[in-house]
N, C-alpha and C. Protein backbone atom coordinates (compact mmCIF):
# COMPACT_ATOMS: atom_id res chain seq x y z
N UNK A 1 1.34 -1.64 0.15
CA UNK A 1 0.09 0.05 0.56
C UNK A 1 0.84 1.53 -0.15
N UNK A 2 -0.02 2.47 -0.59
CA UNK A 2 1.61 3.30 -0.85
C UNK A 2 0.52 5.02 -0.29
N UNK A 3 1.04 5.72 0.18
CA UNK A 3 0.44 6.45 0.65
C UNK A 3 1.07 7.91 1.14
N UNK A 4 1.05 8.93 1.09
CA UNK A 4 1.19 10.58 1.53
C UNK A 4 0.29 10.95 1.99
N UNK A 5 0.40 11.08 3.16
CA UNK A 5 -0.02 11.43 4.25
C UNK A 5 0.68 13.28 4.54
N UNK A 6 -0.52 13.93 3.96
CA UNK A 6 0.23 15.75 4.51
C UNK A 6 -0.83 16.00 4.70
N UNK A 7 -0.22 17.74 5.36
CA UNK A 7 -0.42 18.42 6.42
C UNK A 7 -1.38 20.15 4.83
N UNK A 8 -0.98 19.90 4.43
CA UNK A 8 -1.67 21.20 3.80
C UNK A 8 -1.22 21.19 1.99
N UNK A 9 -1.17 19.59 2.12
CA UNK A 9 -0.70 19.24 0.62
C UNK A 9 0.39 19.29 0.00
N UNK A 10 0.45 19.57 -1.57
CA UNK A 10 1.85 18.71 -2.23
C UNK A 10 2.09 20.57 -2.41
N UNK A 11 2.77 21.02 -1.24
CA UNK A 11 3.14 22.06 -1.06
C UNK A 11 4.55 22.74 -1.44
N UNK A 12 4.91 21.83 -1.66
CA UNK A 12 6.77 22.22 -1.98
C UNK A 12 7.24 20.43 -2.80
N UNK A 13 8.55 21.21 -3.37
CA UNK A 13 8.90 19.71 -4.53
C UNK A 13 9.43 18.11 -3.59
N UNK A 14 9.77 17.88 -2.37
CA UNK A 14 10.31 17.68 -1.78
C UNK A 14 8.85 16.37 -1.43
N UNK A 15 7.83 17.01 -0.86
CA UNK A 15 6.14 16.26 -1.63
C UNK A 15 5.96 15.59 -2.99
N UNK A 16 6.23 16.76 -3.71
CA UNK A 16 5.57 16.27 -4.71
C UNK A 16 7.51 14.42 -5.76
N UNK A 17 7.72 15.31 -5.36
CA UNK A 17 8.70 13.83 -5.63
C UNK A 17 8.36 12.61 -5.14
N UNK A 18 8.60 12.56 -3.67
CA UNK A 18 8.09 11.38 -3.04
C UNK A 18 6.44 11.14 -3.40
N UNK A 19 6.29 12.10 -4.16
CA UNK A 19 4.43 11.40 -4.44
C UNK A 19 5.01 10.69 -6.22
N UNK A 20 5.55 11.22 -6.37
CA UNK A 20 6.18 10.54 -8.33
C UNK A 20 7.30 9.16 -7.75
N UNK A 21 7.59 9.83 -6.68
CA UNK A 21 7.67 7.39 -7.08
C UNK A 21 7.25 6.67 -6.16
N UNK A 22 5.87 7.42 -5.52
CA UNK A 22 5.14 6.39 -5.47
C UNK A 22 4.62 5.48 -5.89
N UNK A 23 4.31 7.09 -7.54
CA UNK A 23 3.22 6.74 -8.76
C UNK A 23 4.14 5.49 -8.97
N UNK A 24 5.31 6.46 -9.68
CA UNK A 24 5.73 5.48 -10.63
C UNK A 24 6.30 6.21 -11.35
N UNK A 25 6.32 7.16 -11.81
CA UNK A 25 5.82 8.10 -13.50
C UNK A 25 6.22 9.56 -13.56
N UNK A 26 6.05 10.26 -13.73
CA UNK A 26 6.27 12.32 -13.70
C UNK A 26 4.68 12.50 -13.83
N UNK A 27 4.19 12.99 -12.84
CA UNK A 27 2.94 13.79 -12.13
C UNK A 27 2.59 14.43 -13.26
N UNK A 28 2.91 15.01 -13.85
CA UNK A 28 2.09 15.29 -15.45
C UNK A 28 1.89 14.24 -16.35
N UNK A 29 1.75 13.56 -16.34
CA UNK A 29 1.70 12.46 -16.69
C UNK A 29 0.61 11.50 -15.88
N UNK A 30 -0.06 11.60 -15.19
CA UNK A 30 -1.09 10.91 -13.98
C UNK A 30 -2.35 11.09 -13.80
N UNK A 31 -3.54 10.41 -13.13
CA UNK A 31 -4.43 10.83 -13.09
C UNK A 31 -4.94 10.89 -11.90
N UNK A 32 -5.49 12.56 -11.59
CA UNK A 32 -6.09 12.48 -10.00
C UNK A 32 -7.31 13.04 -9.67
N UNK A 33 -7.89 11.52 -8.71
CA UNK A 33 -9.18 12.13 -8.42
C UNK A 33 -9.29 12.95 -7.34
N UNK A 34 -10.00 14.12 -7.18
CA UNK A 34 -10.15 15.18 -5.71
C UNK A 34 -11.04 14.31 -5.19
N UNK A 35 -10.76 14.69 -4.24
CA UNK A 35 -12.15 13.95 -2.98
C UNK A 35 -12.69 15.05 -1.98
N UNK A 36 -13.86 16.34 -2.11
CA UNK A 36 -13.14 17.51 -1.31
C UNK A 36 -14.66 17.21 -0.26
N UNK A 37 -15.42 16.57 -0.25
CA UNK A 37 -16.36 15.80 1.14
C UNK A 37 -16.19 16.47 2.39
N UNK A 38 -15.37 16.34 2.52
CA UNK A 38 -14.66 16.78 4.15
C UNK A 38 -14.85 18.34 3.90
N UNK A 39 -14.87 18.48 2.97
CA UNK A 39 -15.27 20.26 2.97
C UNK A 39 -16.62 20.59 3.30
N UNK A 40 -17.22 19.85 2.82
CA UNK A 40 -19.04 19.65 2.70
C UNK A 40 -19.70 20.96 3.34
N UNK A 41 -18.91 20.21 5.00
CA UNK A 41 -20.35 20.71 5.43
C UNK A 41 -19.56 22.34 6.72
N UNK A 42 -18.19 22.66 5.82
CA UNK A 42 -16.90 23.71 6.45
C UNK A 42 -17.85 24.81 5.86
N UNK A 43 -17.90 26.11 7.14
CA UNK A 43 -18.54 27.38 6.46
C UNK A 43 -17.52 27.90 5.89
N UNK A 44 -18.23 29.59 5.63
CA UNK A 44 -17.26 29.95 5.38
C UNK A 44 -16.00 30.19 3.95
N UNK A 45 -15.16 31.70 4.44
CA UNK A 45 -14.25 30.52 2.95
C UNK A 45 -13.44 30.07 2.36
N UNK A 46 -14.10 29.90 0.75
CA UNK A 46 -13.29 28.09 0.19
C UNK A 46 -12.34 28.54 -0.09
N UNK A 47 -10.98 29.24 0.51
CA UNK A 47 -9.78 30.01 -0.64
C UNK A 47 -9.03 28.91 -0.25
N UNK A 48 -9.06 28.31 -0.05
CA UNK A 48 -8.17 26.89 0.34
C UNK A 48 -8.56 25.75 0.34
N UNK A 49 -9.91 25.14 0.08
CA UNK A 49 -10.19 24.33 -1.14
C UNK A 49 -9.49 25.48 -2.32
N UNK A 50 -9.96 25.85 -3.02
CA UNK A 50 -9.75 26.52 -4.06
C UNK A 50 -8.61 26.07 -4.62
N UNK A 51 -7.53 26.46 -3.37
CA UNK A 51 -6.00 26.57 -3.88
C UNK A 51 -5.41 24.67 -4.20
N UNK A 52 -6.05 24.54 -3.05
CA UNK A 52 -5.55 23.22 -3.46
C UNK A 52 -6.13 22.91 -4.24
N UNK A 53 -7.09 22.37 -5.14
CA UNK A 53 -7.45 22.66 -6.34
C UNK A 53 -7.15 22.70 -7.87
N UNK A 54 -6.72 24.16 -7.67
CA UNK A 54 -5.32 25.03 -8.37
C UNK A 54 -4.23 23.93 -8.80
N UNK A 55 -3.20 23.59 -7.00
CA UNK A 55 -2.00 23.54 -7.02
C UNK A 55 -2.48 21.68 -7.45
N UNK A 56 -3.64 20.79 -7.57
CA UNK A 56 -3.12 20.17 -7.73
C UNK A 56 -3.49 19.88 -9.43
N UNK A 57 -4.40 21.08 -9.66
CA UNK A 57 -4.43 20.80 -11.58
C UNK A 57 -3.15 21.84 -11.93
N UNK A 58 -2.35 21.93 -11.45
CA UNK A 58 -1.25 22.85 -11.68
C UNK A 58 0.39 21.42 -11.76
N UNK A 59 -0.46 20.80 -11.30
CA UNK A 59 1.02 19.42 -11.34
C UNK A 59 0.81 18.15 -11.70
N UNK A 60 -1.15 17.86 -11.77
CA UNK A 60 -1.07 16.62 -12.39
C UNK A 60 -1.54 16.76 -13.84
N UNK A 61 -1.60 16.17 -14.73
CA UNK A 61 -2.19 15.42 -16.21
C UNK A 61 -3.66 15.94 -16.08
N UNK A 62 -4.23 15.33 -16.05
CA UNK A 62 -5.27 15.24 -15.16
C UNK A 62 -6.31 15.64 -14.23
N UNK A 63 -7.13 16.39 -13.29
CA UNK A 63 -8.74 16.52 -12.53
C UNK A 63 -9.53 15.85 -12.58
N UNK A 64 -10.13 14.81 -11.76
CA UNK A 64 -12.01 15.02 -11.56
C UNK A 64 -11.85 15.11 -10.11
N UNK A 65 -13.38 15.89 -10.17
CA UNK A 65 -13.50 15.99 -8.19
C UNK A 65 -14.79 14.81 -8.53
N UNK A 66 -14.10 14.89 -7.77
CA UNK A 66 -15.57 13.60 -7.19
C UNK A 66 -16.19 12.83 -5.60
N UNK A 67 -17.18 13.69 -5.42
CA UNK A 67 -17.55 14.11 -3.77
C UNK A 67 -18.74 12.60 -4.17
N UNK A 68 -17.76 11.75 -2.86
CA UNK A 68 -18.79 10.55 -2.51
C UNK A 68 -19.93 10.37 -1.58
N UNK A 69 -19.88 11.84 -1.62
CA UNK A 69 -22.05 12.28 -0.73
C UNK A 69 -22.83 12.64 -1.63
N UNK A 70 -21.66 13.37 -3.09
CA UNK A 70 -22.72 13.54 -4.14
C UNK A 70 -23.65 13.40 -4.71
N UNK A 71 -23.39 11.30 -5.51
CA UNK A 71 -23.20 10.74 -6.34
C UNK A 71 -23.73 9.25 -5.85
N UNK A 72 -23.93 8.29 -6.77
CA UNK A 72 -24.31 6.59 -6.08
C UNK A 72 -23.26 6.23 -6.59
N UNK A 73 -22.76 5.19 -5.43
CA UNK A 73 -21.12 4.06 -5.74
C UNK A 73 -21.48 4.03 -7.20
N UNK A 74 -22.36 3.36 -8.52
CA UNK A 74 -21.78 3.41 -10.12
C UNK A 74 -21.85 4.96 -10.57
N UNK A 75 -21.54 5.40 -9.76
CA UNK A 75 -21.26 6.33 -10.90
C UNK A 75 -19.44 7.34 -9.56
N UNK A 76 -19.89 7.07 -9.17
CA UNK A 76 -18.36 7.70 -9.01
C UNK A 76 -16.87 6.53 -8.59
N UNK A 77 -16.67 4.97 -8.24
CA UNK A 77 -16.44 3.70 -8.49
C UNK A 77 -15.77 3.95 -10.11
N UNK A 78 -16.55 3.77 -10.83
CA UNK A 78 -15.68 3.14 -12.22
C UNK A 78 -14.78 5.20 -12.25
N UNK A 79 -14.92 6.12 -11.23
CA UNK A 79 -13.52 7.22 -12.05
C UNK A 79 -13.17 6.98 -10.87
N UNK A 80 -13.19 6.02 -9.82
CA UNK A 80 -12.29 6.16 -8.87
C UNK A 80 -10.54 5.13 -9.19
N UNK A 81 -11.79 4.32 -10.26
CA UNK A 81 -11.04 3.27 -9.80
C UNK A 81 -10.02 3.99 -12.22
N UNK A 82 -10.80 4.85 -12.96
CA UNK A 82 -10.54 4.91 -13.70
C UNK A 82 -8.58 5.98 -13.16
N UNK A 83 -7.75 6.60 -12.54
CA UNK A 83 -7.41 7.26 -11.51
C UNK A 83 -6.53 6.51 -11.00
N UNK A 84 -4.89 7.50 -11.29
CA UNK A 84 -4.12 6.89 -10.24
C UNK A 84 -3.33 6.70 -8.77
N UNK A 85 -3.89 8.32 -8.81
CA UNK A 85 -4.15 9.32 -7.61
C UNK A 85 -5.70 9.68 -6.43
N UNK A 86 -5.51 9.07 -5.87
CA UNK A 86 -6.99 8.83 -4.88
C UNK A 86 -6.54 10.22 -4.32
N UNK A 87 -7.15 11.64 -3.25
CA UNK A 87 -6.98 13.28 -2.88
C UNK A 87 -7.89 13.39 -1.99
N UNK A 88 -7.93 12.88 -1.16
CA UNK A 88 -8.76 12.94 0.52
C UNK A 88 -8.62 14.99 0.93
N UNK A 89 -8.90 15.81 0.76
CA UNK A 89 -8.93 16.98 1.16
C UNK A 89 -9.64 17.27 1.89
N UNK A 90 -9.05 18.84 3.06
CA UNK A 90 -9.26 19.09 4.55
C UNK A 90 -11.07 19.70 4.48
N UNK A 91 -10.77 19.40 5.54
CA UNK A 91 -12.51 20.05 6.47
C UNK A 91 -12.55 19.76 7.43
N UNK A 92 -13.86 18.99 7.73
CA UNK A 92 -14.37 18.47 8.94
C UNK A 92 -13.48 16.30 8.41
N UNK A 93 -13.57 16.42 9.46
CA UNK A 93 -12.45 14.73 9.97
C UNK A 93 -13.92 13.63 10.19
N UNK A 94 -14.21 14.25 11.07
CA UNK A 94 -15.98 13.29 10.84
C UNK A 94 -16.35 13.41 9.97
N UNK A 95 -16.80 13.74 9.23
CA UNK A 95 -17.87 14.14 7.85
C UNK A 95 -17.97 13.29 7.13
N UNK A 96 -16.12 13.51 7.21
CA UNK A 96 -15.12 12.58 6.27
C UNK A 96 -15.69 11.43 6.06
N UNK A 97 -14.74 10.30 7.38
CA UNK A 97 -15.17 8.92 7.96
C UNK A 97 -16.73 8.73 8.07
N UNK A 98 -17.87 9.88 8.35
CA UNK A 98 -19.09 9.32 8.30
C UNK A 98 -19.33 9.38 6.22
N UNK A 99 -18.52 9.78 5.67
CA UNK A 99 -19.37 9.25 3.93
C UNK A 99 -18.81 7.74 3.37
N UNK A 100 -17.28 7.94 4.06
CA UNK A 100 -16.28 7.18 3.71
C UNK A 100 -17.07 5.82 3.80
N UNK A 101 -17.56 5.23 5.20
CA UNK A 101 -18.43 4.58 5.78
C UNK A 101 -19.59 3.96 5.23
N UNK A 102 -20.33 5.34 4.73
CA UNK A 102 -22.45 5.42 4.25
C UNK A 102 -21.68 5.41 2.85
N UNK A 103 -21.41 5.55 2.02
CA UNK A 103 -20.99 5.85 0.58
C UNK A 103 -20.53 4.15 0.16
N UNK A 104 -19.67 3.01 0.94
CA UNK A 104 -18.98 1.96 1.06
C UNK A 104 -18.13 1.65 0.36
N UNK A 105 -17.27 3.26 0.18
CA UNK A 105 -15.57 3.49 0.28
C UNK A 105 -15.37 2.10 1.05
N UNK A 106 -15.56 2.70 2.74
CA UNK A 106 -14.37 1.51 3.24
C UNK A 106 -14.81 0.38 2.90
N UNK A 107 -14.97 0.27 2.74
CA UNK A 107 -14.93 -2.08 2.04
C UNK A 107 -13.81 -2.05 0.47
N UNK A 108 -13.53 -0.98 -0.72
CA UNK A 108 -13.66 -0.32 -1.20
C UNK A 108 -12.02 -0.51 -1.33
N UNK A 109 -11.66 0.24 -0.23
CA UNK A 109 -10.12 0.91 -0.21
C UNK A 109 -9.30 -0.51 -0.37
N UNK A 110 -9.23 -1.13 0.34
CA UNK A 110 -8.25 -2.07 0.51
C UNK A 110 -7.64 -3.10 -1.47
N UNK A 111 -8.51 -2.71 -2.01
CA UNK A 111 -8.55 -3.36 -3.60
C UNK A 111 -8.05 -2.29 -4.35
N UNK A 112 -8.50 -0.50 -4.07
CA UNK A 112 -8.25 0.30 -4.55
C UNK A 112 -7.58 0.80 -5.21
N UNK A 113 -6.86 0.76 -3.20
CA UNK A 113 -5.15 1.28 -3.01
C UNK A 113 -3.82 0.37 -3.39
N UNK A 114 -4.55 -1.29 -3.81
CA UNK A 114 -3.32 -2.78 -4.37
C UNK A 114 -2.44 -1.94 -5.64
N UNK A 115 -3.16 -0.90 -6.91
CA UNK A 115 -2.39 -0.84 -7.29
C UNK A 115 -2.72 1.13 -7.89
N UNK A 116 -2.93 2.06 -6.46
CA UNK A 116 -3.47 3.23 -6.94
C UNK A 116 -2.69 3.52 -4.97
N UNK A 117 -2.28 5.05 -5.48
CA UNK A 117 -1.99 5.87 -3.99
C UNK A 117 -2.60 6.48 -3.66
N UNK A 118 -2.67 6.49 -2.18
CA UNK A 118 -3.70 7.44 -1.61
C UNK A 118 -3.54 8.56 -1.36
N UNK A 119 -3.63 9.96 -1.16
CA UNK A 119 -3.33 11.50 -0.61
C UNK A 119 -4.04 11.42 0.48
N UNK A 120 -3.73 12.02 1.48
CA UNK A 120 -4.27 12.69 2.96
C UNK A 120 -4.08 14.96 2.75
N UNK A 121 -4.60 15.81 2.47
CA UNK A 121 -4.99 16.85 3.34
C UNK A 121 -5.53 16.19 4.20
N UNK A 122 -4.46 17.12 5.23
CA UNK A 122 -5.57 17.67 6.78
C UNK A 122 -6.10 16.13 7.04
N UNK A 123 -7.84 16.73 6.92
CA UNK A 123 -8.46 15.38 7.08
C UNK A 123 -8.37 14.23 6.62
N UNK A 124 -7.94 14.31 5.25
CA UNK A 124 -8.16 13.52 4.69
C UNK A 124 -6.52 12.45 5.14
N UNK A 125 -5.79 12.95 6.01
CA UNK A 125 -4.66 12.45 6.57
C UNK A 125 -4.82 11.72 7.81
N UNK A 126 -6.20 12.22 8.23
CA UNK A 126 -6.24 11.96 9.83
C UNK A 126 -6.91 10.66 9.72
N UNK A 127 -7.96 10.21 8.74
CA UNK A 127 -8.67 9.44 9.05
C UNK A 127 -8.50 7.87 8.20
N UNK A 128 -7.12 7.88 7.31
CA UNK A 128 -6.26 7.46 6.83
C UNK A 128 -5.48 6.64 8.51
N UNK A 129 -5.57 7.23 9.69
CA UNK A 129 -4.39 6.74 10.99
C UNK A 129 -6.38 5.28 12.23
N UNK A 130 -4.83 4.69 12.62
CA UNK A 130 -6.00 4.35 13.83
C UNK A 130 -7.73 4.59 14.30
N UNK A 131 -7.62 6.51 14.32
CA UNK A 131 -8.18 6.37 15.20
C UNK A 131 -8.54 8.06 14.86
N UNK A 132 -9.61 8.85 14.98
CA UNK A 132 -10.05 10.18 14.75
C UNK A 132 -9.49 10.84 16.51
N UNK A 133 -8.75 10.47 16.63
CA UNK A 133 -8.60 11.63 17.97
C UNK A 133 -7.83 12.21 18.48
N UNK A 134 -6.93 13.03 17.17
CA UNK A 134 -5.83 14.22 16.93
C UNK A 134 -6.42 15.13 16.03
N UNK A 135 -7.93 14.19 15.33
CA UNK A 135 -8.50 15.82 14.86
C UNK A 135 -9.43 17.00 15.94
N UNK A 136 -8.35 18.10 15.33
CA UNK A 136 -9.46 18.88 16.10
C UNK A 136 -10.87 19.63 16.20
N UNK A 137 -12.25 18.83 15.24
CA UNK A 137 -12.98 18.82 15.30
C UNK A 137 -13.78 18.29 16.64
N UNK A 138 -13.80 18.12 17.36
CA UNK A 138 -14.75 17.40 17.91
C UNK A 138 -16.32 17.57 18.30
N UNK A 139 -16.63 18.06 17.11
CA UNK A 139 -18.11 17.55 16.54
C UNK A 139 -18.00 16.72 15.78
N UNK A 140 -19.03 15.55 17.23
CA UNK A 140 -19.30 14.31 16.32
C UNK A 140 -20.91 13.94 15.72
N UNK A 141 -21.56 15.38 15.37
CA UNK A 141 -23.00 15.02 15.14
C UNK A 141 -22.77 16.16 13.52
N UNK A 142 -24.40 15.41 12.99
CA UNK A 142 -24.02 16.05 11.51
C UNK A 142 -25.17 15.89 10.44
N UNK A 143 -24.98 16.74 9.96
CA UNK A 143 -26.01 17.27 9.60
C UNK A 143 -26.91 15.74 8.65
N UNK A 144 -27.61 14.74 8.94
CA UNK A 144 -28.16 14.15 8.94
C UNK A 144 -29.20 13.00 10.14
N UNK A 145 -29.76 12.37 9.42
CA UNK A 145 -30.47 12.68 11.11
C UNK A 145 -30.21 11.15 10.90
N UNK A 146 -30.04 10.11 10.16
CA UNK A 146 -29.73 8.32 10.47
C UNK A 146 -27.60 8.54 11.60
N UNK A 147 -27.29 9.92 10.98
CA UNK A 147 -25.86 9.68 11.62
C UNK A 147 -25.98 10.91 13.13
N UNK A 148 -26.71 11.44 13.75
CA UNK A 148 -26.89 12.14 14.80
C UNK A 148 -26.51 11.81 16.34
N UNK A 149 -26.03 11.62 17.26
CA UNK A 149 -25.84 10.76 17.93
C UNK A 149 -24.21 10.21 17.47
N UNK A 150 -23.03 10.27 16.60
CA UNK A 150 -22.16 9.88 16.94
C UNK A 150 -21.29 9.78 17.63
N UNK A 151 -20.88 9.04 18.00
CA UNK A 151 -19.68 8.82 19.39
C UNK A 151 -18.20 7.68 18.47
N UNK A 152 -18.47 6.74 17.52
CA UNK A 152 -17.60 6.14 16.61
C UNK A 152 -16.13 7.39 16.57
N UNK A 153 -14.92 7.19 16.76
CA UNK A 153 -13.42 7.44 15.90
C UNK A 153 -12.67 7.03 16.33
N UNK A 154 -13.19 5.47 15.37
CA UNK A 154 -12.31 4.74 14.34
C UNK A 154 -11.89 4.98 13.23
N UNK A 155 -10.65 5.35 12.42
CA UNK A 155 -9.86 5.23 11.53
C UNK A 155 -10.09 4.07 11.25
N UNK A 156 -10.67 4.67 9.33
CA UNK A 156 -9.21 3.42 8.17
C UNK A 156 -8.78 2.55 8.82
N UNK A 157 -7.31 3.09 9.88
CA UNK A 157 -7.25 2.03 10.35
C UNK A 157 -5.38 1.68 9.35
N UNK A 158 -5.95 2.54 7.75
CA UNK A 158 -4.61 2.22 6.30
C UNK A 158 -3.17 2.75 7.20
N UNK A 159 -2.24 2.97 8.57
CA UNK A 159 -1.14 3.23 8.52
C UNK A 159 -1.84 3.00 10.53
N UNK A 160 -0.35 2.47 10.77
CA UNK A 160 -0.21 2.01 12.42
C UNK A 160 -0.01 3.52 13.11
N UNK A 161 -0.49 4.24 12.22
CA UNK A 161 0.54 5.74 13.34
C UNK A 161 -0.36 7.03 12.90
N UNK A 162 -0.46 7.84 14.06
CA UNK A 162 -1.28 9.00 13.80
C UNK A 162 -0.41 10.37 13.00
N UNK A 163 -1.79 11.21 12.63
CA UNK A 163 -0.97 11.95 12.30
C UNK A 163 -1.38 13.57 13.10
N UNK A 164 -0.58 15.00 12.88
CA UNK A 164 -1.57 15.67 13.09
C UNK A 164 -1.44 17.10 12.72
N UNK A 165 -2.01 17.09 12.06
CA UNK A 165 -1.20 18.52 10.10
C UNK A 165 -1.02 20.06 11.06
N UNK A 166 -0.96 20.34 10.43
CA UNK A 166 -0.84 22.02 10.90
C UNK A 166 -0.30 22.71 12.04
N UNK A 167 0.75 21.65 11.64
CA UNK A 167 1.76 22.15 13.38
C UNK A 167 2.45 23.46 13.18
N UNK A 168 2.34 23.71 14.42
CA UNK A 168 2.22 25.13 14.14
C UNK A 168 1.99 26.35 12.61
N UNK A 169 0.92 26.22 12.46
CA UNK A 169 0.16 27.12 12.19
C UNK A 169 -0.41 28.32 12.33
N UNK A 170 -0.32 29.79 11.77
CA UNK A 170 -1.48 30.85 11.27
C UNK A 170 -2.90 30.70 12.01
N UNK A 171 -3.06 30.26 11.11
CA UNK A 171 -4.33 29.60 11.23
C UNK A 171 -5.34 28.97 12.03
N UNK A 172 -3.85 27.08 12.25
CA UNK A 172 -4.45 27.06 13.46
C UNK A 172 -3.70 27.26 14.56
N UNK A 173 -3.72 28.27 16.00
CA UNK A 173 -2.65 28.67 17.52
C UNK A 173 -2.50 27.34 17.99
N UNK A 174 -3.11 27.11 18.07
CA UNK A 174 -3.32 25.60 19.54
C UNK A 174 -2.16 24.70 19.18
N UNK A 175 -2.44 24.82 17.90
CA UNK A 175 -1.54 23.71 17.12
C UNK A 175 -0.19 23.49 17.68
N UNK A 176 0.52 23.09 18.55
CA UNK A 176 1.54 23.79 19.41
C UNK A 176 2.33 22.13 19.52
N UNK A 177 3.75 22.32 20.11
CA UNK A 177 4.14 20.84 20.62
C UNK A 177 2.89 20.50 22.16
N UNK A 178 3.25 20.96 22.72
CA UNK A 178 2.11 21.28 24.22
C UNK A 178 0.90 20.20 23.93
N UNK A 179 -0.10 20.75 22.82
CA UNK A 179 -0.67 19.98 22.35
C UNK A 179 -0.51 18.97 21.90
N UNK A 180 0.25 18.59 21.46
CA UNK A 180 1.15 17.21 20.73
C UNK A 180 1.28 16.23 21.93
N UNK A 181 1.84 16.61 22.84
CA UNK A 181 2.05 15.74 24.09
C UNK A 181 1.06 15.72 24.33
N UNK A 182 -0.08 16.30 25.06
CA UNK A 182 -1.39 15.67 25.59
C UNK A 182 -1.90 14.94 24.52
N UNK A 183 -2.23 15.32 23.15
CA UNK A 183 -2.88 13.66 22.57
C UNK A 183 -1.87 12.80 22.33
N UNK A 184 0.16 12.45 22.38
CA UNK A 184 0.15 11.51 22.34
C UNK A 184 -0.03 10.43 23.81
N UNK A 185 -0.57 11.12 24.06
CA UNK A 185 -1.15 10.62 26.04
C UNK A 185 -1.87 10.00 25.98
N UNK A 186 -3.05 9.69 25.31
CA UNK A 186 -3.84 9.76 24.87
C UNK A 186 -4.39 7.97 24.37
N UNK A 187 -3.51 8.26 22.88
CA UNK A 187 -2.86 7.13 22.42
C UNK A 187 -1.56 6.00 22.65
N UNK A 188 -1.23 5.17 22.05
CA UNK A 188 -0.09 4.49 22.35
C UNK A 188 0.66 3.87 21.20
N UNK A 189 -0.30 4.26 19.77
CA UNK A 189 0.22 4.47 18.47
C UNK A 189 1.81 5.86 18.09
N UNK A 190 2.74 5.65 17.41
CA UNK A 190 2.81 6.82 16.86
C UNK A 190 2.45 8.07 17.15
N UNK A 191 2.76 9.48 17.83
CA UNK A 191 2.20 10.25 16.45
C UNK A 191 3.75 10.68 15.52
N UNK A 192 2.71 10.90 15.08
CA UNK A 192 4.00 12.54 13.34
C UNK A 192 2.80 13.82 13.84
N UNK A 193 3.73 15.20 14.28
CA UNK A 193 3.15 16.05 14.45
C UNK A 193 3.63 16.81 13.13
N UNK A 194 3.12 17.99 12.12
CA UNK A 194 3.84 18.15 10.32
C UNK A 194 3.39 19.41 9.70
N UNK A 195 3.88 20.19 9.80
CA UNK A 195 3.20 21.93 9.39
C UNK A 195 3.22 21.14 7.93
N UNK A 196 2.37 22.52 7.19
CA UNK A 196 1.91 22.22 5.95
C UNK A 196 3.09 21.79 5.24
N UNK A 197 4.45 22.17 5.11
CA UNK A 197 5.71 21.81 4.15
C UNK A 197 6.43 20.71 4.91
N UNK A 198 5.26 19.16 5.01
CA UNK A 198 5.69 17.52 5.64
C UNK A 198 4.65 17.03 5.09
N UNK A 199 5.56 15.88 5.23
CA UNK A 199 4.09 14.98 4.74
C UNK A 199 5.27 13.52 5.08
N UNK A 200 4.02 12.70 5.59
CA UNK A 200 4.46 11.43 5.52
C UNK A 200 4.20 9.72 5.22
N UNK A 201 4.73 9.49 4.36
CA UNK A 201 5.31 8.61 2.80
C UNK A 201 5.50 7.32 3.13
N UNK A 202 4.40 6.64 3.10
CA UNK A 202 4.25 5.32 3.51
C UNK A 202 4.62 4.60 2.36
N UNK A 203 5.58 3.39 1.76
CA UNK A 203 5.57 2.20 1.06
C UNK A 203 5.44 1.16 1.21
N UNK A 204 4.41 0.39 1.01
CA UNK A 204 4.53 -1.03 1.63
C UNK A 204 4.86 -0.97 3.27
N UNK A 205 4.91 -0.40 4.06
CA UNK A 205 5.10 -0.48 5.04
C UNK A 205 6.31 0.11 5.56
N UNK A 206 6.46 1.07 4.77
CA UNK A 206 7.66 1.51 4.65
C UNK A 206 7.78 2.64 4.71
N UNK A 207 8.07 3.69 6.08
CA UNK A 207 7.65 4.84 6.81
C UNK A 207 8.51 5.59 6.47
N UNK A 208 8.48 6.79 6.44
CA UNK A 208 9.25 8.48 6.13
C UNK A 208 8.96 9.21 6.16
N UNK A 209 9.79 9.91 6.65
CA UNK A 209 9.18 11.95 6.77
C UNK A 209 9.99 13.01 5.62
N UNK A 210 8.69 13.42 4.72
CA UNK A 210 9.80 14.19 3.52
C UNK A 210 9.03 15.49 3.85
N UNK A 211 10.18 16.31 4.33
CA UNK A 211 9.81 17.69 5.11
C UNK A 211 10.39 18.87 4.08
N UNK A 212 10.55 19.80 4.13
CA UNK A 212 11.02 21.10 4.10
C UNK A 212 10.65 21.68 5.36
N UNK A 213 9.64 21.40 5.80
CA UNK A 213 9.64 22.49 7.86
C UNK A 213 9.81 22.13 8.46
N UNK A 214 8.64 21.59 9.37
CA UNK A 214 8.86 21.42 10.79
C UNK A 214 8.39 19.61 11.15
N UNK A 215 8.83 19.17 12.27
CA UNK A 215 7.95 17.57 12.19
C UNK A 215 8.38 17.22 13.72
N UNK A 216 7.65 17.04 14.06
CA UNK A 216 7.81 16.24 16.02
C UNK A 216 6.91 14.65 15.43
N UNK A 217 8.45 13.80 17.13
CA UNK A 217 7.07 12.66 16.48
C UNK A 217 6.71 12.33 17.88
N UNK A 218 6.30 11.33 18.54
CA UNK A 218 6.24 11.55 19.62
C UNK A 218 5.63 9.73 19.49
N UNK A 219 5.97 8.92 21.42
CA UNK A 219 5.48 7.56 21.79
C UNK A 219 6.44 7.01 20.54
């Protein structure tokens, strides 16, 4: 399985080179599926989402936007199968996990990732972990009746560690080393705090940090 878990996307050449290594060919020859579902319930200006999409279009050969909450599986699945990289964007971690489960994508991911690369941005990175406990978003209620009261914080478990994005970011002033230390006390697995110029690369179980910025590891 191949993953690149980022905080702010493919923000520097080092991360892009790492992704090219995972894909096995230049990114400008690579098809990307951008999954924006986590952003659907976020209020306010979406400049960050627009920037993520713009960056993706400038890097990849083609970019398909595939919202797994908006269309049925018979429509989104062939589109994911037609791509080489699946990028799960940022936003509300719990909303994204809810739809990965409800849509049926959770059961299909192991097969899809036999031949594709998983890329996460913020919430998209957190859901790949064993739990969602590192998410700053503690909203466990959703905008659908059947999702109300959800208390499940189990993630996809695609990796055996946790990530906490946006380390030392001016947009997330609480995400600093003291908070990471508290988070690390709540979990038994390794915890990586990564800034927006850092990613965790996973290639068939081999874990490495790809960074032009700052990061911390706990546990």
